[in-house]
Amino acid sequence: YREKLHTINPPCVPYLGVYLSDLTFIEEGNKTIIDGLINYTKLRLEANAILELQQYQQMPYNLRYVPELLNLLERLPEPQPKWQEEYYQKSLVLEPRGCKKSDLLL
């Protein structure tokens, strides 16, 4: 994923989970203070992860107005709180907790 992402010219929307995982591992896996000194290597790693993500925010998107799409989006029903529970129950039927991949209904 990372190799492919680095070959793409912005604008693009990178998967945020990759960067959040990186930041979590950097934060949790390294001490901020070592022997009373600031661990600048850790801070540099965090800064580099954030800077890499920010590069995708520099290029504006060239979006055009599409009346048909706007009309479609405006006609969509508002999400209902009951839908969340209904969809969650359906997800448990399709992917029960603790099941193996071979047990899934594909």
PDB file of N, CA and C in Angstrom:
ATOM      1  N   TYR A   1       0.823  -1.198   0.000  1.00  0.00           N
ATOM      2  CA  TYR A   1       0.000   0.000   0.000  1.00  0.00           C
ATOM      3  C   TYR A   1       0.862   1.255   0.000  1.00  0.00           C
ATOM      4  N   ARG A   2       1.868   1.266   0.860  1.00  0.00           N
ATOM      5  CA  ARG A   2       2.711   2.460   0.984  1.00  0.00           C
ATOM      6  C   ARG A   2       3.459   2.743  -0.314  1.00  0.00           C
ATOM      7  N   GLU A   3       3.997   1.686  -0.931  1.00  0.00           N
ATOM      8  CA  GLU A   3       4.720   1.884  -2.189  1.00  0.00           C
ATOM      9  C   GLU A   3       3.804   2.482  -3.249  1.00  0.00           C
ATOM     10  N   LYS A   4       2.617   1.942  -3.377  1.00  0.00           N
ATOM     11  CA  LYS A   4       1.658   2.442  -4.359  1.00  0.00           C
ATOM     12  C   LYS A   4       1.267   3.886  -4.044  1.00  0.00           C
ATOM     13  N   LEU A   5       1.032   4.171  -2.776  1.00  0.00           N
ATOM     14  CA  LEU A   5       0.644   5.520  -2.372  1.00  0.00           C
ATOM     15  C   LEU A   5       1.724   6.533  -2.720  1.00  0.00           C
ATOM     16  N   HIS A   6       2.983   6.156  -2.552  1.00  0.00           N
ATOM     17  CA  HIS A   6       4.078   7.084  -2.830  1.00  0.00           C
ATOM     18  C   HIS A   6       4.265   7.346  -4.317  1.00  0.00           C
ATOM     19  N   THR A   7       3.675   6.509  -5.173  1.00  0.00           N
ATOM     20  CA  THR A   7       3.782   6.739  -6.616  1.00  0.00           C
ATOM     21  C   THR A   7       2.619   7.567  -7.162  1.00  0.00           C
ATOM     22  N   ILE A   8       1.607   7.787  -6.341  1.00  0.00           N
ATOM     23  CA  ILE A   8       0.418   8.532  -6.773  1.00  0.00           C
ATOM     24  C   ILE A   8       0.652  10.019  -6.592  1.00  0.00           C
ATOM     25  N   ASN A   9       0.280  10.781  -7.605  1.00  0.00           N
ATOM     26  CA  ASN A   9       0.368  12.236  -7.488  1.00  0.00           C
ATOM     27  C   ASN A   9      -0.894  12.761  -6.823  1.00  0.00           C
ATOM     28  N   PRO A  10      -0.718  13.630  -5.815  1.00  0.00           N
ATOM     29  CA  PRO A  10      -1.899  14.216  -5.172  1.00  0.00           C
ATOM     30  C   PRO A  10      -2.719  15.015  -6.175  1.00  0.00           C
ATOM     31  N   PRO A  11      -3.977  15.231  -5.964  1.00  0.00           N
ATOM     32  CA  PRO A  11      -4.676  14.931  -4.722  1.00  0.00           C
ATOM     33  C   PRO A  11      -5.124  13.482  -4.660  1.00  0.00           C
ATOM     34  N   CYS A  12      -5.096  12.959  -3.465  1.00  0.00           N
ATOM     35  CA  CYS A  12      -5.637  11.640  -3.175  1.00  0.00           C
ATOM     36  C   CYS A  12      -5.989  11.616  -1.696  1.00  0.00           C
ATOM     37  N   VAL A  13      -6.760  10.617  -1.304  1.00  0.00           N
ATOM     38  CA  VAL A  13      -7.165  10.488   0.096  1.00  0.00           C
ATOM     39  C   VAL A  13      -6.519   9.219   0.636  1.00  0.00           C
ATOM     40  N   PRO A  14      -5.422   9.352   1.382  1.00  0.00           N
ATOM     41  CA  PRO A  14      -4.773   8.162   1.916  1.00  0.00           C
ATOM     42  C   PRO A  14      -5.603   7.550   3.040  1.00  0.00           C
ATOM     43  N   TYR A  15      -5.405   6.264   3.259  1.00  0.00           N
ATOM     44  CA  TYR A  15      -6.116   5.579   4.341  1.00  0.00           C
ATOM     45  C   TYR A  15      -5.511   6.021   5.660  1.00  0.00           C
ATOM     46  N   LEU A  16      -6.299   6.713   6.459  1.00  0.00           N
ATOM     47  CA  LEU A  16      -5.840   7.301   7.702  1.00  0.00           C
ATOM     48  C   LEU A  16      -5.384   6.254   8.715  1.00  0.00           C
ATOM     49  N   GLY A  17      -5.968   5.070   8.664  1.00  0.00           N
ATOM     50  CA  GLY A  17      -5.617   4.021   9.614  1.00  0.00           C
ATOM     51  C   GLY A  17      -4.145   3.654   9.592  1.00  0.00           C
ATOM     52  N   VAL A  18      -3.512   3.724   8.435  1.00  0.00           N
ATOM     53  CA  VAL A  18      -2.082   3.419   8.332  1.00  0.00           C
ATOM     54  C   VAL A  18      -1.278   4.399   9.177  1.00  0.00           C
ATOM     55  N   TYR A  19      -1.604   5.677   9.059  1.00  0.00           N
ATOM     56  CA  TYR A  19      -0.864   6.706   9.788  1.00  0.00           C
ATOM     57  C   TYR A  19      -1.186   6.680  11.279  1.00  0.00           C
ATOM     58  N   LEU A  20      -2.418   6.384  11.620  1.00  0.00           N
ATOM     59  CA  LEU A  20      -2.777   6.274  13.031  1.00  0.00           C
ATOM     60  C   LEU A  20      -2.066   5.091  13.674  1.00  0.00           C
ATOM     61  N   SER A  21      -1.956   3.991  12.954  1.00  0.00           N
ATOM     62  CA  SER A  21      -1.218   2.831  13.469  1.00  0.00           C
ATOM     63  C   SER A  21       0.249   3.174  13.670  1.00  0.00           C
ATOM     64  N   ASP A  22       0.830   3.853  12.682  1.00  0.00           N
ATOM     65  CA  ASP A  22       2.231   4.268  12.807  1.00  0.00           C
ATOM     66  C   ASP A  22       2.433   5.123  14.050  1.00  0.00           C
ATOM     67  N   LEU A  23       1.579   6.113  14.213  1.00  0.00           N
ATOM     68  CA  LEU A  23       1.715   7.013  15.362  1.00  0.00           C
ATOM     69  C   LEU A  23       1.517   6.273  16.682  1.00  0.00           C
ATOM     70  N   THR A  24       0.589   5.332  16.706  1.00  0.00           N
ATOM     71  CA  THR A  24       0.358   4.555  17.925  1.00  0.00           C
ATOM     72  C   THR A  24       1.581   3.722  18.273  1.00  0.00           C
ATOM     73  N   PHE A  25       2.151   3.033  17.276  1.00  0.00           N
ATOM     74  CA  PHE A  25       3.325   2.206  17.542  1.00  0.00           C
ATOM     75  C   PHE A  25       4.524   3.054  17.965  1.00  0.00           C
ATOM     76  N   ILE A  26       4.690   4.206  17.331  1.00  0.00           N
ATOM     77  CA  ILE A  26       5.788   5.095  17.719  1.00  0.00           C
ATOM     78  C   ILE A  26       5.598   5.561  19.159  1.00  0.00           C
ATOM     79  N   GLU A  27       4.383   5.984  19.483  1.00  0.00           N
ATOM     80  CA  GLU A  27       4.100   6.509  20.820  1.00  0.00           C
ATOM     81  C   GLU A  27       4.232   5.432  21.896  1.00  0.00           C
ATOM     82  N   GLU A  28       3.620   4.280  21.651  1.00  0.00           N
ATOM     83  CA  GLU A  28       3.588   3.228  22.658  1.00  0.00           C
ATOM     84  C   GLU A  28       4.909   2.457  22.745  1.00  0.00           C
ATOM     85  N   GLY A  29       5.646   2.428  21.652  1.00  0.00           N
ATOM     86  CA  GLY A  29       6.856   1.611  21.612  1.00  0.00           C
ATOM     87  C   GLY A  29       8.135   2.325  21.972  1.00  0.00           C
ATOM     88  N   ASN A  30       8.064   3.609  22.246  1.00  0.00           N
ATOM     89  CA  ASN A  30       9.268   4.385  22.529  1.00  0.00           C
ATOM     90  C   ASN A  30       9.029   5.326  23.688  1.00  0.00           C
ATOM     91  N   LYS A  31      10.009   5.426  24.550  1.00  0.00           N
ATOM     92  CA  LYS A  31       9.913   6.358  25.667  1.00  0.00           C
ATOM     93  C   LYS A  31      10.172   7.774  25.178  1.00  0.00           C
ATOM     94  N   THR A  32       9.468   8.725  25.780  1.00  0.00           N
ATOM     95  CA  THR A  32       9.676  10.130  25.431  1.00  0.00           C
ATOM     96  C   THR A  32      10.920  10.667  26.141  1.00  0.00           C
ATOM     97  N   ILE A  33      11.159  10.188  27.336  1.00  0.00           N
ATOM     98  CA  ILE A  33      12.323  10.598  28.113  1.00  0.00           C
ATOM     99  C   ILE A  33      13.188   9.362  28.372  1.00  0.00           C
ATOM    100  N   ILE A  34      14.463   9.447  28.033  1.00  0.00           N
ATOM    101  CA  ILE A  34      15.407   8.354  28.276  1.00  0.00           C
ATOM    102  C   ILE A  34      16.577   8.917  29.082  1.00  0.00           C
ATOM    103  N   ASP A  35      16.792   8.361  30.239  1.00  0.00           N
ATOM    104  CA  ASP A  35      17.877   8.818  31.125  1.00  0.00           C
ATOM    105  C   ASP A  35      17.817  10.322  31.360  1.00  0.00           C
ATOM    106  N   GLY A  36      16.608  10.840  31.528  1.00  0.00           N
ATOM    107  CA  GLY A  36      16.425  12.264  31.800  1.00  0.00           C
ATOM    108  C   GLY A  36      16.542  13.161  30.579  1.00  0.00           C
ATOM    109  N   LEU A  37      16.729  12.573  29.399  1.00  0.00           N
ATOM    110  CA  LEU A  37      16.866  13.353  28.156  1.00  0.00           C
ATOM    111  C   LEU A  37      15.673  13.107  27.242  1.00  0.00           C
ATOM    112  N   ILE A  38      15.310  14.110  26.480  1.00  0.00           N
ATOM    113  CA  ILE A  38      14.200  13.986  25.530  1.00  0.00           C
ATOM    114  C   ILE A  38      14.633  13.086  24.381  1.00  0.00           C
ATOM    115  N   ASN A  39      13.788  12.139  24.044  1.00  0.00           N
ATOM    116  CA  ASN A  39      14.055  11.217  22.947  1.00  0.00           C
ATOM    117  C   ASN A  39      13.639  11.880  21.634  1.00  0.00           C
ATOM    118  N   TYR A  40      14.575  12.631  21.041  1.00  0.00           N
ATOM    119  CA  TYR A  40      14.272  13.355  19.809  1.00  0.00           C
ATOM    120  C   TYR A  40      14.062  12.415  18.622  1.00  0.00           C
ATOM    121  N   THR A  41      14.611  11.233  18.693  1.00  0.00           N
ATOM    122  CA  THR A  41      14.382  10.259  17.614  1.00  0.00           C
ATOM    123  C   THR A  41      12.901   9.904  17.544  1.00  0.00           C
ATOM    124  N   LYS A  42      12.282   9.679  18.700  1.00  0.00           N
ATOM    125  CA  LYS A  42      10.855   9.384  18.738  1.00  0.00           C
ATOM    126  C   LYS A  42      10.052  10.560  18.190  1.00  0.00           C
ATOM    127  N   LEU A  43      10.380  11.753  18.635  1.00  0.00           N
ATOM    128  CA  LEU A  43       9.644  12.937  18.180  1.00  0.00           C
ATOM    129  C   LEU A  43       9.816  13.154  16.679  1.00  0.00           C
ATOM    130  N   ARG A  44      11.013  12.855  16.157  1.00  0.00           N
ATOM    131  CA  ARG A  44      11.260  12.992  14.718  1.00  0.00           C
ATOM    132  C   ARG A  44      10.423  11.981  13.938  1.00  0.00           C
ATOM    133  N   LEU A  45      10.324  10.755  14.453  1.00  0.00           N
ATOM    134  CA  LEU A  45       9.489   9.737  13.795  1.00  0.00           C
ATOM    135  C   LEU A  45       8.027  10.171  13.747  1.00  0.00           C
ATOM    136  N   GLU A  46       7.543  10.714  14.867  1.00  0.00           N
ATOM    137  CA  GLU A  46       6.155  11.200  14.903  1.00  0.00           C
ATOM    138  C   GLU A  46       5.957  12.350  13.924  1.00  0.00           C
ATOM    139  N   ALA A  47       6.894  13.275  13.908  1.00  0.00           N
ATOM    140  CA  ALA A  47       6.786  14.427  13.002  1.00  0.00           C
ATOM    141  C   ALA A  47       6.798  13.973  11.547  1.00  0.00           C
ATOM    142  N   ASN A  48       7.653  13.018  11.209  1.00  0.00           N
ATOM    143  CA  ASN A  48       7.720  12.534   9.829  1.00  0.00           C
ATOM    144  C   ASN A  48       6.417  11.872   9.397  1.00  0.00           C
ATOM    145  N   ALA A  49       5.801  11.107  10.299  1.00  0.00           N
ATOM    146  CA  ALA A  49       4.523  10.473   9.976  1.00  0.00           C
ATOM    147  C   ALA A  49       3.450  11.527   9.723  1.00  0.00           C
ATOM    148  N   ILE A  50       3.424  12.567  10.541  1.00  0.00           N
ATOM    149  CA  ILE A  50       2.436  13.640  10.374  1.00  0.00           C
ATOM    150  C   ILE A  50       2.715  14.444   9.110  1.00  0.00           C
ATOM    151  N   LEU A  51       3.981  14.754   8.846  1.00  0.00           N
ATOM    152  CA  LEU A  51       4.333  15.511   7.637  1.00  0.00           C
ATOM    153  C   LEU A  51       3.972  14.741   6.369  1.00  0.00           C
ATOM    154  N   GLU A  52       4.190  13.430   6.395  1.00  0.00           N
ATOM    155  CA  GLU A  52       3.830  12.625   5.226  1.00  0.00           C
ATOM    156  C   GLU A  52       2.335  12.696   4.958  1.00  0.00           C
ATOM    157  N   LEU A  53       1.547  12.616   5.999  1.00  0.00           N
ATOM    158  CA  LEU A  53       0.100  12.715   5.846  1.00  0.00           C
ATOM    159  C   LEU A  53      -0.314  14.106   5.365  1.00  0.00           C
ATOM    160  N   GLN A  54       0.337  15.135   5.888  1.00  0.00           N
ATOM    161  CA  GLN A  54      -0.012  16.507   5.520  1.00  0.00           C
ATOM    162  C   GLN A  54       0.264  16.820   4.055  1.00  0.00           C
ATOM    163  N   GLN A  55       1.204  16.121   3.447  1.00  0.00           N
ATOM    164  CA  GLN A  55       1.509  16.411   2.040  1.00  0.00           C
ATOM    165  C   GLN A  55       0.296  16.185   1.137  1.00  0.00           C
ATOM    166  N   TYR A  56      -0.613  15.299   1.569  1.00  0.00           N
ATOM    167  CA  TYR A  56      -1.803  15.023   0.770  1.00  0.00           C
ATOM    168  C   TYR A  56      -2.883  16.082   0.949  1.00  0.00           C
ATOM    169  N   GLN A  57      -2.661  17.008   1.863  1.00  0.00           N
ATOM    170  CA  GLN A  57      -3.615  18.094   2.088  1.00  0.00           C
ATOM    171  C   GLN A  57      -3.215  19.365   1.337  1.00  0.00           C
ATOM    172  N   GLN A  58      -2.065  19.366   0.688  1.00  0.00           N
ATOM    173  CA  GLN A  58      -1.545  20.565   0.047  1.00  0.00           C
ATOM    174  C   GLN A  58      -2.172  20.831  -1.330  1.00  0.00           C
ATOM    175  N   MET A  59      -2.562  19.787  -2.013  1.00  0.00           N
ATOM    176  CA  MET A  59      -3.093  19.919  -3.374  1.00  0.00           C
ATOM    177  C   MET A  59      -4.616  20.006  -3.320  1.00  0.00           C
ATOM    178  N   PRO A  60      -5.198  21.073  -3.874  1.00  0.00           N
ATOM    179  CA  PRO A  60      -6.663  21.176  -3.867  1.00  0.00           C
ATOM    180  C   PRO A  60      -7.290  20.183  -4.852  1.00  0.00           C
ATOM    181  N   TYR A  61      -8.486  19.787  -4.541  1.00  0.00           N
ATOM    182  CA  TYR A  61      -9.236  18.891  -5.423  1.00  0.00           C
ATOM    183  C   TYR A  61      -9.949  19.713  -6.486  1.00  0.00           C
ATOM    184  N   ASN A  62      -9.944  19.215  -7.685  1.00  0.00           N
ATOM    185  CA  ASN A  62     -10.607  19.891  -8.788  1.00  0.00           C
ATOM    186  C   ASN A  62     -11.988  19.250  -8.978  1.00  0.00           C
ATOM    187  N   LEU A  63     -12.899  19.595  -8.078  1.00  0.00           N
ATOM    188  CA  LEU A  63     -14.237  19.025  -8.122  1.00  0.00           C
ATOM    189  C   LEU A  63     -15.160  19.914  -8.935  1.00  0.00           C
ATOM    190  N   ARG A  64     -16.055  19.300  -9.653  1.00  0.00           N
ATOM    191  CA  ARG A  64     -17.010  20.093 -10.416  1.00  0.00           C
ATOM    192  C   ARG A  64     -18.420  19.814  -9.916  1.00  0.00           C
ATOM    193  N   TYR A  65     -19.265  20.756 -10.111  1.00  0.00           N
ATOM    194  CA  TYR A  65     -20.653  20.686  -9.684  1.00  0.00           C
ATOM    195  C   TYR A  65     -21.412  19.729 -10.600  1.00  0.00           C
ATOM    196  N   VAL A  66     -22.076  18.736 -10.011  1.00  0.00           N
ATOM    197  CA  VAL A  66     -22.873  17.769 -10.764  1.00  0.00           C
ATOM    198  C   VAL A  66     -24.273  17.797 -10.160  1.00  0.00           C
ATOM    199  N   PRO A  67     -25.205  18.519 -10.796  1.00  0.00           N
ATOM    200  CA  PRO A  67     -26.544  18.683 -10.227  1.00  0.00           C
ATOM    201  C   PRO A  67     -27.254  17.359  -9.943  1.00  0.00           C
ATOM    202  N   GLU A  68     -27.087  16.376 -10.829  1.00  0.00           N
ATOM    203  CA  GLU A  68     -27.764  15.088 -10.642  1.00  0.00           C
ATOM    204  C   GLU A  68     -27.276  14.390  -9.366  1.00  0.00           C
ATOM    205  N   LEU A  69     -25.995  14.474  -9.121  1.00  0.00           N
ATOM    206  CA  LEU A  69     -25.440  13.850  -7.920  1.00  0.00           C
ATOM    207  C   LEU A  69     -25.921  14.580  -6.669  1.00  0.00           C
ATOM    208  N   LEU A  70     -25.934  15.882  -6.697  1.00  0.00           N
ATOM    209  CA  LEU A  70     -26.422  16.654  -5.566  1.00  0.00           C
ATOM    210  C   LEU A  70     -27.888  16.318  -5.280  1.00  0.00           C
ATOM    211  N   ASN A  71     -28.679  16.210  -6.331  1.00  0.00           N
ATOM    212  CA  ASN A  71     -30.089  15.873  -6.190  1.00  0.00           C
ATOM    213  C   ASN A  71     -30.256  14.489  -5.538  1.00  0.00           C
ATOM    214  N   LEU A  72     -29.458  13.534  -5.985  1.00  0.00           N
ATOM    215  CA  LEU A  72     -29.505  12.194  -5.410  1.00  0.00           C
ATOM    216  C   LEU A  72     -29.143  12.222  -3.925  1.00  0.00           C
ATOM    217  N   LEU A  73     -28.081  12.925  -3.586  1.00  0.00           N
ATOM    218  CA  LEU A  73     -27.646  12.987  -2.192  1.00  0.00           C
ATOM    219  C   LEU A  73     -28.672  13.680  -1.300  1.00  0.00           C
ATOM    220  N   GLU A  74     -29.322  14.675  -1.819  1.00  0.00           N
ATOM    221  CA  GLU A  74     -30.328  15.398  -1.037  1.00  0.00           C
ATOM    222  C   GLU A  74     -31.581  14.557  -0.788  1.00  0.00           C
ATOM    223  N   ARG A  75     -31.830  13.575  -1.648  1.00  0.00           N
ATOM    224  CA  ARG A  75     -33.012  12.727  -1.481  1.00  0.00           C
ATOM    225  C   ARG A  75     -32.763  11.524  -0.585  1.00  0.00           C
ATOM    226  N   LEU A  76     -31.529  11.284  -0.192  1.00  0.00           N
ATOM    227  CA  LEU A  76     -31.248  10.154   0.688  1.00  0.00           C
ATOM    228  C   LEU A  76     -31.910  10.388   2.042  1.00  0.00           C
ATOM    229  N   PRO A  77     -32.454   9.341   2.634  1.00  0.00           N
ATOM    230  CA  PRO A  77     -33.079   9.520   3.954  1.00  0.00           C
ATOM    231  C   PRO A  77     -32.025   9.770   5.024  1.00  0.00           C
ATOM    232  N   GLU A  78     -32.427  10.479   6.043  1.00  0.00           N
ATOM    233  CA  GLU A  78     -31.542  10.728   7.180  1.00  0.00           C
ATOM    234  C   GLU A  78     -31.308   9.410   7.910  1.00  0.00           C
ATOM    235  N   PRO A  79     -30.084   9.152   8.365  1.00  0.00           N
ATOM    236  CA  PRO A  79     -29.839   7.923   9.130  1.00  0.00           C
ATOM    237  C   PRO A  79     -30.686   7.902  10.404  1.00  0.00           C
ATOM    238  N   GLN A  80     -31.177   6.748  10.726  1.00  0.00           N
ATOM    239  CA  GLN A  80     -32.006   6.574  11.914  1.00  0.00           C
ATOM    240  C   GLN A  80     -31.230   5.764  12.958  1.00  0.00           C
ATOM    241  N   PRO A  81     -31.325   6.137  14.237  1.00  0.00           N
ATOM    242  CA  PRO A  81     -30.604   5.386  15.279  1.00  0.00           C
ATOM    243  C   PRO A  81     -30.923   3.899  15.274  1.00  0.00           C
ATOM    244  N   LYS A  82     -32.156   3.536  14.926  1.00  0.00           N
ATOM    245  CA  LYS A  82     -32.529   2.110  14.937  1.00  0.00           C
ATOM    246  C   LYS A  82     -31.767   1.333  13.870  1.00  0.00           C
ATOM    247  N   TRP A  83     -31.339   2.012  12.810  1.00  0.00           N
ATOM    248  CA  TRP A  83     -30.602   1.333  11.746  1.00  0.00           C
ATOM    249  C   TRP A  83     -29.285   0.773  12.253  1.00  0.00           C
ATOM    250  N   GLN A  84     -28.628   1.504  13.133  1.00  0.00           N
ATOM    251  CA  GLN A  84     -27.344   1.058  13.643  1.00  0.00           C
ATOM    252  C   GLN A  84     -27.479  -0.310  14.310  1.00  0.00           C
ATOM    253  N   GLU A  85     -28.454  -0.479  15.176  1.00  0.00           N
ATOM    254  CA  GLU A  85     -28.657  -1.762  15.860  1.00  0.00           C
ATOM    255  C   GLU A  85     -29.052  -2.847  14.855  1.00  0.00           C
ATOM    256  N   GLU A  86     -29.929  -2.504  13.918  1.00  0.00           N
ATOM    257  CA  GLU A  86     -30.362  -3.471  12.908  1.00  0.00           C
ATOM    258  C   GLU A  86     -29.174  -3.961  12.081  1.00  0.00           C
ATOM    259  N   TYR A  87     -28.333  -3.044  11.625  1.00  0.00           N
ATOM    260  CA  TYR A  87     -27.177  -3.419  10.815  1.00  0.00           C
ATOM    261  C   TYR A  87     -26.143  -4.181  11.646  1.00  0.00           C
ATOM    262  N   TYR A  88     -26.022  -3.830  12.914  1.00  0.00           N
ATOM    263  CA  TYR A  88     -25.095  -4.548  13.786  1.00  0.00           C
ATOM    264  C   TYR A  88     -25.539  -6.004  13.932  1.00  0.00           C
ATOM    265  N   GLN A  89     -26.834  -6.224  14.142  1.00  0.00           N
ATOM    266  CA  GLN A  89     -27.350  -7.588  14.276  1.00  0.00           C
ATOM    267  C   GLN A  89     -27.140  -8.373  12.975  1.00  0.00           C
ATOM    268  N   LYS A  90     -27.346  -7.712  11.829  1.00  0.00           N
ATOM    269  CA  LYS A  90     -27.099  -8.382  10.545  1.00  0.00           C
ATOM    270  C   LYS A  90     -25.636  -8.747  10.406  1.00  0.00           C
ATOM    271  N   SER A  91     -24.736  -7.875  10.879  1.00  0.00           N
ATOM    272  CA  SER A  91     -23.308  -8.160  10.774  1.00  0.00           C
ATOM    273  C   SER A  91     -22.935  -9.375  11.625  1.00  0.00           C
ATOM    274  N   LEU A  92     -23.598  -9.537  12.765  1.00  0.00           N
ATOM    275  CA  LEU A  92     -23.325 -10.702  13.613  1.00  0.00           C
ATOM    276  C   LEU A  92     -23.792 -11.999  12.967  1.00  0.00           C
ATOM    277  N   VAL A  93     -24.855 -11.920  12.173  1.00  0.00           N
ATOM    278  CA  VAL A  93     -25.315 -13.109  11.443  1.00  0.00           C
ATOM    279  C   VAL A  93     -24.301 -13.468  10.365  1.00  0.00           C
ATOM    280  N   LEU A  94     -23.819 -12.461   9.650  1.00  0.00           N
ATOM    281  CA  LEU A  94     -22.874 -12.704   8.557  1.00  0.00           C
ATOM    282  C   LEU A  94     -21.474 -13.034   9.053  1.00  0.00           C
ATOM    283  N   GLU A  95     -21.064 -12.416  10.145  1.00  0.00           N
ATOM    284  CA  GLU A  95     -19.732 -12.642  10.704  1.00  0.00           C
ATOM    285  C   GLU A  95     -19.839 -12.806  12.220  1.00  0.00           C
ATOM    286  N   PRO A  96     -20.253 -13.985  12.684  1.00  0.00           N
ATOM    287  CA  PRO A  96     -20.404 -14.193  14.127  1.00  0.00           C
ATOM    288  C   PRO A  96     -19.078 -14.020  14.861  1.00  0.00           C
ATOM    289  N   ARG A  97     -19.169 -13.555  16.074  1.00  0.00           N
ATOM    290  CA  ARG A  97     -17.968 -13.371  16.907  1.00  0.00           C
ATOM    291  C   ARG A  97     -17.278 -14.714  17.112  1.00  0.00           C
ATOM    292  N   GLY A  98     -15.963 -14.693  16.998  1.00  0.00           N
ATOM    293  CA  GLY A  98     -15.174 -15.885  17.259  1.00  0.00           C
ATOM    294  C   GLY A  98     -15.177 -16.922  16.151  1.00  0.00           C
ATOM    295  N   CYS A  99     -15.783 -16.611  15.010  1.00  0.00           N
ATOM    296  CA  CYS A  99     -15.820 -17.604  13.932  1.00  0.00           C
ATOM    297  C   CYS A  99     -14.519 -17.570  13.134  1.00  0.00           C
ATOM    298  N   LYS A 100     -14.282 -18.656  12.424  1.00  0.00           N
ATOM    299  CA  LYS A 100     -13.123 -18.734  11.539  1.00  0.00           C
ATOM    300  C   LYS A 100     -13.523 -18.214  10.160  1.00  0.00           C
ATOM    301  N   LYS A 101     -12.548 -17.812   9.391  1.00  0.00           N
ATOM    302  CA  LYS A 101     -12.830 -17.313   8.051  1.00  0.00           C
ATOM    303  C   LYS A 101     -13.575 -18.372   7.226  1.00  0.00           C
ATOM    304  N   SER A 102     -13.230 -19.624   7.423  1.00  0.00           N
ATOM    305  CA  SER A 102     -13.878 -20.698   6.663  1.00  0.00           C
ATOM    306  C   SER A 102     -15.349 -20.873   7.035  1.00  0.00           C
ATOM    307  N   ASP A 103     -15.756 -20.350   8.204  1.00  0.00           N
ATOM    308  CA  ASP A 103     -17.144 -20.468   8.650  1.00  0.00           C
ATOM    309  C   ASP A 103     -18.049 -19.377   8.058  1.00  0.00           C
ATOM    310  N   LEU A 104     -17.463 -18.350   7.481  1.00  0.00           N
ATOM    311  CA  LEU A 104     -18.248 -17.198   7.010  1.00  0.00           C
ATOM    312  C   LEU A 104     -19.084 -17.552   5.804  1.00  0.00           C
ATOM    313  N   LEU A 105     -20.253 -16.932   5.720  1.00  0.00           N
ATOM    314  CA  LEU A 105     -21.126 -17.089   4.556  1.00  0.00           C
ATOM    315  C   LEU A 105     -20.657 -16.120   3.481  1.00  0.00           C
ATOM    316  N   LEU A 106     -20.042 -16.635   2.461  1.00  0.00           N
ATOM    317  CA  LEU A 106     -19.510 -15.759   1.403  1.00  0.00           C
ATOM    318  C   LEU A 106     -20.362 -15.801   0.177  1.00  0.00           C
TER     319      LEU A 106
END
